[in-house]
Amino acid sequence: MAIAIGYMTTPLIITGFAFYALAAFIWIYCLSQFDLSYVTFVSSIQYIFMILVSIMIFHEQISAMKWAGCVFIMIGVILWLRG
């Protein structure tokens, strides 16, 4: 139990919970202002952000197939927003 409390009180974990709470409030705000279908499609951009975080923070190698998938996601979001 002491180990779990020790982990829960580390600054990185607390920061992670704070960002999670912030994201939840932003999500609720967006849902109160826009249609669910709009918010859901626009939130697909998170996949691009995750790849960027993977590269910058975790120094991961991203395959061409994953980049292609991100391009298709972005094309879909753009087409959906215009339609």
PDB file of N, CA and C in Angstrom:
ATOM      1  N   MET A   1       0.826  -1.194   0.000  1.00  0.00           N
ATOM      2  CA  MET A   1       0.000   0.000   0.000  1.00  0.00           C
ATOM      3  C   MET A   1       0.864   1.249   0.000  1.00  0.00           C
ATOM      4  N   ALA A   2       1.962   1.218   0.724  1.00  0.00           N
ATOM      5  CA  ALA A   2       2.842   2.381   0.797  1.00  0.00           C
ATOM      6  C   ALA A   2       3.456   2.680  -0.570  1.00  0.00           C
ATOM      7  N   ILE A   3       3.740   1.640  -1.332  1.00  0.00           N
ATOM      8  CA  ILE A   3       4.299   1.838  -2.676  1.00  0.00           C
ATOM      9  C   ILE A   3       3.283   2.535  -3.571  1.00  0.00           C
ATOM     10  N   ALA A   4       2.027   2.095  -3.500  1.00  0.00           N
ATOM     11  CA  ALA A   4       0.976   2.713  -4.313  1.00  0.00           C
ATOM     12  C   ALA A   4       0.795   4.180  -3.948  1.00  0.00           C
ATOM     13  N   ILE A   5       0.814   4.497  -2.673  1.00  0.00           N
ATOM     14  CA  ILE A   5       0.682   5.896  -2.242  1.00  0.00           C
ATOM     15  C   ILE A   5       1.886   6.696  -2.701  1.00  0.00           C
ATOM     16  N   GLY A   6       3.056   6.080  -2.651  1.00  0.00           N
ATOM     17  CA  GLY A   6       4.262   6.750  -3.126  1.00  0.00           C
ATOM     18  C   GLY A   6       4.179   7.093  -4.607  1.00  0.00           C
ATOM     19  N   TYR A   7       3.681   6.156  -5.388  1.00  0.00           N
ATOM     20  CA  TYR A   7       3.502   6.413  -6.825  1.00  0.00           C
ATOM     21  C   TYR A   7       2.451   7.487  -7.071  1.00  0.00           C
ATOM     22  N   MET A   8       1.371   7.434  -6.306  1.00  0.00           N
ATOM     23  CA  MET A   8       0.271   8.383  -6.517  1.00  0.00           C
ATOM     24  C   MET A   8       0.647   9.815  -6.152  1.00  0.00           C
ATOM     25  N   THR A   9       1.676   9.993  -5.361  1.00  0.00           N
ATOM     26  CA  THR A   9       2.062  11.339  -4.939  1.00  0.00           C
ATOM     27  C   THR A   9       3.260  11.885  -5.703  1.00  0.00           C
ATOM     28  N   THR A  10       3.712  11.173  -6.723  1.00  0.00           N
ATOM     29  CA  THR A  10       4.823  11.709  -7.522  1.00  0.00           C
ATOM     30  C   THR A  10       4.294  12.823  -8.425  1.00  0.00           C
ATOM     31  N   PRO A  11       5.112  13.827  -8.664  1.00  0.00           N
ATOM     32  CA  PRO A  11       4.661  14.972  -9.467  1.00  0.00           C
ATOM     33  C   PRO A  11       4.187  14.593 -10.875  1.00  0.00           C
ATOM     34  N   LEU A  12       4.823  13.626 -11.519  1.00  0.00           N
ATOM     35  CA  LEU A  12       4.397  13.246 -12.862  1.00  0.00           C
ATOM     36  C   LEU A  12       3.009  12.614 -12.863  1.00  0.00           C
ATOM     37  N   ILE A  13       2.717  11.803 -11.875  1.00  0.00           N
ATOM     38  CA  ILE A  13       1.398  11.177 -11.785  1.00  0.00           C
ATOM     39  C   ILE A  13       0.337  12.228 -11.490  1.00  0.00           C
ATOM     40  N   ILE A  14       0.620  13.141 -10.587  1.00  0.00           N
ATOM     41  CA  ILE A  14      -0.325  14.211 -10.263  1.00  0.00           C
ATOM     42  C   ILE A  14      -0.560  15.087 -11.486  1.00  0.00           C
ATOM     43  N   THR A  15       0.504  15.399 -12.229  1.00  0.00           N
ATOM     44  CA  THR A  15       0.366  16.186 -13.453  1.00  0.00           C
ATOM     45  C   THR A  15      -0.478  15.438 -14.478  1.00  0.00           C
ATOM     46  N   GLY A  16      -0.266  14.137 -14.589  1.00  0.00           N
ATOM     47  CA  GLY A  16      -1.060  13.330 -15.507  1.00  0.00           C
ATOM     48  C   GLY A  16      -2.537  13.348 -15.158  1.00  0.00           C
ATOM     49  N   PHE A  17      -2.859  13.217 -13.876  1.00  0.00           N
ATOM     50  CA  PHE A  17      -4.255  13.288 -13.439  1.00  0.00           C
ATOM     51  C   PHE A  17      -4.846  14.671 -13.712  1.00  0.00           C
ATOM     52  N   ALA A  18      -4.039  15.715 -13.511  1.00  0.00           N
ATOM     53  CA  ALA A  18      -4.519  17.078 -13.763  1.00  0.00           C
ATOM     54  C   ALA A  18      -4.839  17.268 -15.249  1.00  0.00           C
ATOM     55  N   PHE A  19      -3.950  16.783 -16.128  1.00  0.00           N
ATOM     56  CA  PHE A  19      -4.214  16.884 -17.558  1.00  0.00           C
ATOM     57  C   PHE A  19      -5.430  16.051 -17.967  1.00  0.00           C
ATOM     58  N   TYR A  20      -5.592  14.908 -17.346  1.00  0.00           N
ATOM     59  CA  TYR A  20      -6.753  14.070 -17.638  1.00  0.00           C
ATOM     60  C   TYR A  20      -8.046  14.794 -17.240  1.00  0.00           C
ATOM     61  N   ALA A  21      -8.039  15.415 -16.066  1.00  0.00           N
ATOM     62  CA  ALA A  21      -9.204  16.165 -15.612  1.00  0.00           C
ATOM     63  C   ALA A  21      -9.479  17.349 -16.536  1.00  0.00           C
ATOM     64  N   LEU A  22      -8.431  18.045 -16.950  1.00  0.00           N
ATOM     65  CA  LEU A  22      -8.589  19.161 -17.878  1.00  0.00           C
ATOM     66  C   LEU A  22      -9.198  18.695 -19.194  1.00  0.00           C
ATOM     67  N   ALA A  23      -8.714  17.579 -19.700  1.00  0.00           N
ATOM     68  CA  ALA A  23      -9.255  17.028 -20.941  1.00  0.00           C
ATOM     69  C   ALA A  23     -10.729  16.661 -20.786  1.00  0.00           C
ATOM     70  N   ALA A  24     -11.097  16.118 -19.646  1.00  0.00           N
ATOM     71  CA  ALA A  24     -12.498  15.764 -19.408  1.00  0.00           C
ATOM     72  C   ALA A  24     -13.376  17.012 -19.399  1.00  0.00           C
ATOM     73  N   PHE A  25     -12.912  18.081 -18.766  1.00  0.00           N
ATOM     74  CA  PHE A  25     -13.684  19.322 -18.753  1.00  0.00           C
ATOM     75  C   PHE A  25     -13.792  19.938 -20.143  1.00  0.00           C
ATOM     76  N   ILE A  26     -12.711  19.895 -20.901  1.00  0.00           N
ATOM     77  CA  ILE A  26     -12.747  20.411 -22.272  1.00  0.00           C
ATOM     78  C   ILE A  26     -13.712  19.586 -23.116  1.00  0.00           C
ATOM     79  N   TRP A  27     -13.690  18.265 -22.944  1.00  0.00           N
ATOM     80  CA  TRP A  27     -14.601  17.386 -23.683  1.00  0.00           C
ATOM     81  C   TRP A  27     -16.058  17.721 -23.360  1.00  0.00           C
ATOM     82  N   ILE A  28     -16.363  17.898 -22.086  1.00  0.00           N
ATOM     83  CA  ILE A  28     -17.726  18.243 -21.679  1.00  0.00           C
ATOM     84  C   ILE A  28     -18.119  19.604 -22.236  1.00  0.00           C
ATOM     85  N   TYR A  29     -17.206  20.561 -22.188  1.00  0.00           N
ATOM     86  CA  TYR A  29     -17.492  21.884 -22.746  1.00  0.00           C
ATOM     87  C   TYR A  29     -17.784  21.786 -24.244  1.00  0.00           C
ATOM     88  N   CYS A  30     -16.929  21.060 -24.969  1.00  0.00           N
ATOM     89  CA  CYS A  30     -17.137  20.905 -26.417  1.00  0.00           C
ATOM     90  C   CYS A  30     -18.466  20.242 -26.719  1.00  0.00           C
ATOM     91  N   LEU A  31     -18.837  19.246 -25.935  1.00  0.00           N
ATOM     92  CA  LEU A  31     -20.123  18.577 -26.153  1.00  0.00           C
ATOM     93  C   LEU A  31     -21.298  19.509 -25.872  1.00  0.00           C
ATOM     94  N   SER A  32     -21.098  20.460 -24.971  1.00  0.00           N
ATOM     95  CA  SER A  32     -22.190  21.393 -24.679  1.00  0.00           C
ATOM     96  C   SER A  32     -22.312  22.476 -25.752  1.00  0.00           C
ATOM     97  N   GLN A  33     -21.257  22.669 -26.545  1.00  0.00           N
ATOM     98  CA  GLN A  33     -21.271  23.720 -27.556  1.00  0.00           C
ATOM     99  C   GLN A  33     -21.519  23.213 -28.976  1.00  0.00           C
ATOM    100  N   PHE A  34     -21.135  21.966 -29.259  1.00  0.00           N
ATOM    101  CA  PHE A  34     -21.178  21.430 -30.615  1.00  0.00           C
ATOM    102  C   PHE A  34     -21.886  20.074 -30.622  1.00  0.00           C
ATOM    103  N   ASP A  35     -22.236  19.617 -31.811  1.00  0.00           N
ATOM    104  CA  ASP A  35     -22.841  18.290 -31.967  1.00  0.00           C
ATOM    105  C   ASP A  35     -21.817  17.201 -31.679  1.00  0.00           C
ATOM    106  N   LEU A  36     -22.301  16.090 -31.170  1.00  0.00           N
ATOM    107  CA  LEU A  36     -21.431  14.956 -30.858  1.00  0.00           C
ATOM    108  C   LEU A  36     -20.686  14.481 -32.100  1.00  0.00           C
ATOM    109  N   SER A  37     -21.358  14.428 -33.234  1.00  0.00           N
ATOM    110  CA  SER A  37     -20.712  13.947 -34.458  1.00  0.00           C
ATOM    111  C   SER A  37     -19.548  14.848 -34.856  1.00  0.00           C
ATOM    112  N   TYR A  38     -19.682  16.147 -34.660  1.00  0.00           N
ATOM    113  CA  TYR A  38     -18.611  17.081 -34.977  1.00  0.00           C
ATOM    114  C   TYR A  38     -17.428  16.898 -34.025  1.00  0.00           C
ATOM    115  N   VAL A  39     -17.710  16.855 -32.736  1.00  0.00           N
ATOM    116  CA  VAL A  39     -16.656  16.741 -31.724  1.00  0.00           C
ATOM    117  C   VAL A  39     -15.890  15.431 -31.885  1.00  0.00           C
ATOM    118  N   THR A  40     -16.602  14.356 -32.176  1.00  0.00           N
ATOM    119  CA  THR A  40     -15.955  13.057 -32.317  1.00  0.00           C
ATOM    120  C   THR A  40     -14.992  13.033 -33.496  1.00  0.00           C
ATOM    121  N   PHE A  41     -15.422  13.576 -34.621  1.00  0.00           N
ATOM    122  CA  PHE A  41     -14.535  13.577 -35.781  1.00  0.00           C
ATOM    123  C   PHE A  41     -13.336  14.486 -35.574  1.00  0.00           C
ATOM    124  N   VAL A  42     -13.554  15.646 -35.004  1.00  0.00           N
ATOM    125  CA  VAL A  42     -12.431  16.552 -34.771  1.00  0.00           C
ATOM    126  C   VAL A  42     -11.462  15.958 -33.751  1.00  0.00           C
ATOM    127  N   SER A  43     -11.974  15.181 -32.808  1.00  0.00           N
ATOM    128  CA  SER A  43     -11.083  14.574 -31.815  1.00  0.00           C
ATOM    129  C   SER A  43     -10.201  13.490 -32.428  1.00  0.00           C
ATOM    130  N   SER A  44     -10.452  13.102 -33.666  1.00  0.00           N
ATOM    131  CA  SER A  44      -9.576  12.148 -34.346  1.00  0.00           C
ATOM    132  C   SER A  44      -8.174  12.711 -34.536  1.00  0.00           C
ATOM    133  N   ILE A  45      -8.037  14.009 -34.411  1.00  0.00           N
ATOM    134  CA  ILE A  45      -6.731  14.647 -34.528  1.00  0.00           C
ATOM    135  C   ILE A  45      -5.801  14.175 -33.405  1.00  0.00           C
ATOM    136  N   GLN A  46      -6.364  13.630 -32.335  1.00  0.00           N
ATOM    137  CA  GLN A  46      -5.534  13.148 -31.235  1.00  0.00           C
ATOM    138  C   GLN A  46      -4.541  12.074 -31.679  1.00  0.00           C
ATOM    139  N   TYR A  47      -4.898  11.320 -32.728  1.00  0.00           N
ATOM    140  CA  TYR A  47      -3.977  10.292 -33.219  1.00  0.00           C
ATOM    141  C   TYR A  47      -2.695  10.931 -33.745  1.00  0.00           C
ATOM    142  N   ILE A  48      -2.817  12.068 -34.389  1.00  0.00           N
ATOM    143  CA  ILE A  48      -1.645  12.778 -34.892  1.00  0.00           C
ATOM    144  C   ILE A  48      -0.806  13.267 -33.718  1.00  0.00           C
ATOM    145  N   PHE A  49      -1.459  13.834 -32.705  1.00  0.00           N
ATOM    146  CA  PHE A  49      -0.732  14.317 -31.533  1.00  0.00           C
ATOM    147  C   PHE A  49      -0.010  13.178 -30.816  1.00  0.00           C
ATOM    148  N   MET A  50      -0.630  12.011 -30.768  1.00  0.00           N
ATOM    149  CA  MET A  50       0.015  10.885 -30.092  1.00  0.00           C
ATOM    150  C   MET A  50       1.269  10.433 -30.827  1.00  0.00           C
ATOM    151  N   ILE A  51       1.229  10.479 -32.144  1.00  0.00           N
ATOM    152  CA  ILE A  51       2.428  10.118 -32.899  1.00  0.00           C
ATOM    153  C   ILE A  51       3.526  11.140 -32.652  1.00  0.00           C
ATOM    154  N   LEU A  52       3.164  12.421 -32.624  1.00  0.00           N
ATOM    155  CA  LEU A  52       4.162  13.455 -32.355  1.00  0.00           C
ATOM    156  C   LEU A  52       4.759  13.312 -30.957  1.00  0.00           C
ATOM    157  N   VAL A  53       3.923  13.001 -29.972  1.00  0.00           N
ATOM    158  CA  VAL A  53       4.420  12.773 -28.611  1.00  0.00           C
ATOM    159  C   VAL A  53       5.322  11.543 -28.581  1.00  0.00           C
ATOM    160  N   SER A  54       4.935  10.505 -29.299  1.00  0.00           N
ATOM    161  CA  SER A  54       5.746   9.288 -29.353  1.00  0.00           C
ATOM    162  C   SER A  54       7.136   9.578 -29.915  1.00  0.00           C
ATOM    163  N   ILE A  55       7.182  10.443 -30.913  1.00  0.00           N
ATOM    164  CA  ILE A  55       8.470  10.778 -31.525  1.00  0.00           C
ATOM    165  C   ILE A  55       9.289  11.677 -30.604  1.00  0.00           C
ATOM    166  N   MET A  56       8.676  12.751 -30.109  1.00  0.00           N
ATOM    167  CA  MET A  56       9.427  13.760 -29.354  1.00  0.00           C
ATOM    168  C   MET A  56       9.814  13.306 -27.955  1.00  0.00           C
ATOM    169  N   ILE A  57       8.922  12.624 -27.260  1.00  0.00           N
ATOM    170  CA  ILE A  57       9.194  12.265 -25.866  1.00  0.00           C
ATOM    171  C   ILE A  57       9.784  10.871 -25.739  1.00  0.00           C
ATOM    172  N   PHE A  58       9.205   9.906 -26.462  1.00  0.00           N
ATOM    173  CA  PHE A  58       9.639   8.525 -26.301  1.00  0.00           C
ATOM    174  C   PHE A  58      10.609   8.065 -27.371  1.00  0.00           C
ATOM    175  N   HIS A  59      10.918   8.945 -28.338  1.00  0.00           N
ATOM    176  CA  HIS A  59      11.886   8.653 -29.405  1.00  0.00           C
ATOM    177  C   HIS A  59      11.558   7.354 -30.143  1.00  0.00           C
ATOM    178  N   GLU A  60      10.282   7.160 -30.416  1.00  0.00           N
ATOM    179  CA  GLU A  60       9.851   5.964 -31.148  1.00  0.00           C
ATOM    180  C   GLU A  60      10.034   6.167 -32.647  1.00  0.00           C
ATOM    181  N   GLN A  61      10.232   5.065 -33.333  1.00  0.00           N
ATOM    182  CA  GLN A  61      10.297   5.089 -34.790  1.00  0.00           C
ATOM    183  C   GLN A  61       8.896   4.779 -35.314  1.00  0.00           C
ATOM    184  N   ILE A  62       8.373   5.647 -36.153  1.00  0.00           N
ATOM    185  CA  ILE A  62       7.026   5.482 -36.690  1.00  0.00           C
ATOM    186  C   ILE A  62       7.149   4.958 -38.120  1.00  0.00           C
ATOM    187  N   SER A  63       6.466   3.872 -38.398  1.00  0.00           N
ATOM    188  CA  SER A  63       6.552   3.253 -39.719  1.00  0.00           C
ATOM    189  C   SER A  63       5.789   4.061 -40.759  1.00  0.00           C
ATOM    190  N   ALA A  64       6.115   3.823 -42.007  1.00  0.00           N
ATOM    191  CA  ALA A  64       5.436   4.504 -43.109  1.00  0.00           C
ATOM    192  C   ALA A  64       3.953   4.148 -43.130  1.00  0.00           C
ATOM    193  N   MET A  65       3.613   2.939 -42.735  1.00  0.00           N
ATOM    194  CA  MET A  65       2.211   2.522 -42.704  1.00  0.00           C
ATOM    195  C   MET A  65       1.418   3.338 -41.681  1.00  0.00           C
ATOM    196  N   LYS A  66       2.018   3.618 -40.529  1.00  0.00           N
ATOM    197  CA  LYS A  66       1.334   4.434 -39.522  1.00  0.00           C
ATOM    198  C   LYS A  66       1.174   5.871 -40.004  1.00  0.00           C
ATOM    199  N   TRP A  67       2.197   6.399 -40.674  1.00  0.00           N
ATOM    200  CA  TRP A  67       2.079   7.747 -41.242  1.00  0.00           C
ATOM    201  C   TRP A  67       0.975   7.779 -42.290  1.00  0.00           C
ATOM    202  N   ALA A  68       0.905   6.754 -43.104  1.00  0.00           N
ATOM    203  CA  ALA A  68      -0.144   6.686 -44.125  1.00  0.00           C
ATOM    204  C   ALA A  68      -1.521   6.649 -43.463  1.00  0.00           C
ATOM    205  N   GLY A  69      -1.646   5.904 -42.395  1.00  0.00           N
ATOM    206  CA  GLY A  69      -2.914   5.863 -41.669  1.00  0.00           C
ATOM    207  C   GLY A  69      -3.302   7.230 -41.130  1.00  0.00           C
ATOM    208  N   CYS A  70      -2.320   7.960 -40.615  1.00  0.00           N
ATOM    209  CA  CYS A  70      -2.595   9.314 -40.115  1.00  0.00           C
ATOM    210  C   CYS A  70      -3.029  10.246 -41.243  1.00  0.00           C
ATOM    211  N   VAL A  71      -2.410  10.091 -42.399  1.00  0.00           N
ATOM    212  CA  VAL A  71      -2.798  10.910 -43.551  1.00  0.00           C
ATOM    213  C   VAL A  71      -4.247  10.608 -43.935  1.00  0.00           C
ATOM    214  N   PHE A  72      -4.621   9.345 -43.957  1.00  0.00           N
ATOM    215  CA  PHE A  72      -6.003   8.981 -44.278  1.00  0.00           C
ATOM    216  C   PHE A  72      -6.980   9.512 -43.237  1.00  0.00           C
ATOM    217  N   ILE A  73      -6.597   9.473 -41.979  1.00  0.00           N
ATOM    218  CA  ILE A  73      -7.452  10.019 -40.922  1.00  0.00           C
ATOM    219  C   ILE A  73      -7.663  11.512 -41.150  1.00  0.00           C
ATOM    220  N   MET A  74      -6.591  12.235 -41.423  1.00  0.00           N
ATOM    221  CA  MET A  74      -6.707  13.676 -41.625  1.00  0.00           C
ATOM    222  C   MET A  74      -7.517  14.000 -42.880  1.00  0.00           C
ATOM    223  N   ILE A  75      -7.327  13.243 -43.933  1.00  0.00           N
ATOM    224  CA  ILE A  75      -8.138  13.454 -45.146  1.00  0.00           C
ATOM    225  C   ILE A  75      -9.613  13.230 -44.823  1.00  0.00           C
ATOM    226  N   GLY A  76      -9.905  12.183 -44.075  1.00  0.00           N
ATOM    227  CA  GLY A  76     -11.284  11.914 -43.690  1.00  0.00           C
ATOM    228  C   GLY A  76     -11.882  13.025 -42.846  1.00  0.00           C
ATOM    229  N   VAL A  77     -11.116  13.538 -41.893  1.00  0.00           N
ATOM    230  CA  VAL A  77     -11.610  14.626 -41.052  1.00  0.00           C
ATOM    231  C   VAL A  77     -11.876  15.868 -41.897  1.00  0.00           C
ATOM    232  N   ILE A  78     -10.947  16.204 -42.782  1.00  0.00           N
ATOM    233  CA  ILE A  78     -11.118  17.388 -43.638  1.00  0.00           C
ATOM    234  C   ILE A  78     -12.338  17.235 -44.546  1.00  0.00           C
ATOM    235  N   LEU A  79     -12.477  16.073 -45.161  1.00  0.00           N
ATOM    236  CA  LEU A  79     -13.631  15.842 -46.037  1.00  0.00           C
ATOM    237  C   LEU A  79     -14.939  15.879 -45.254  1.00  0.00           C
ATOM    238  N   TRP A  80     -14.934  15.317 -44.057  1.00  0.00           N
ATOM    239  CA  TRP A  80     -16.138  15.303 -43.255  1.00  0.00           C
ATOM    240  C   TRP A  80     -16.529  16.720 -42.842  1.00  0.00           C
ATOM    241  N   LEU A  81     -15.537  17.528 -42.468  1.00  0.00           N
ATOM    242  CA  LEU A  81     -15.831  18.898 -42.046  1.00  0.00           C
ATOM    243  C   LEU A  81     -16.354  19.753 -43.188  1.00  0.00           C
ATOM    244  N   ARG A  82     -15.895  19.482 -44.391  1.00  0.00           N
ATOM    245  CA  ARG A  82     -16.360  20.247 -45.562  1.00  0.00           C
ATOM    246  C   ARG A  82     -17.731  19.793 -46.046  1.00  0.00           C
ATOM    247  N   GLY A  83     -18.083  18.536 -45.758  1.00  0.00           N
ATOM    248  CA  GLY A  83     -19.331  17.980 -46.278  1.00  0.00           C
ATOM    249  C   GLY A  83     -20.466  18.309 -45.412  1.00  0.00           C
TER     250      GLY A  83
END
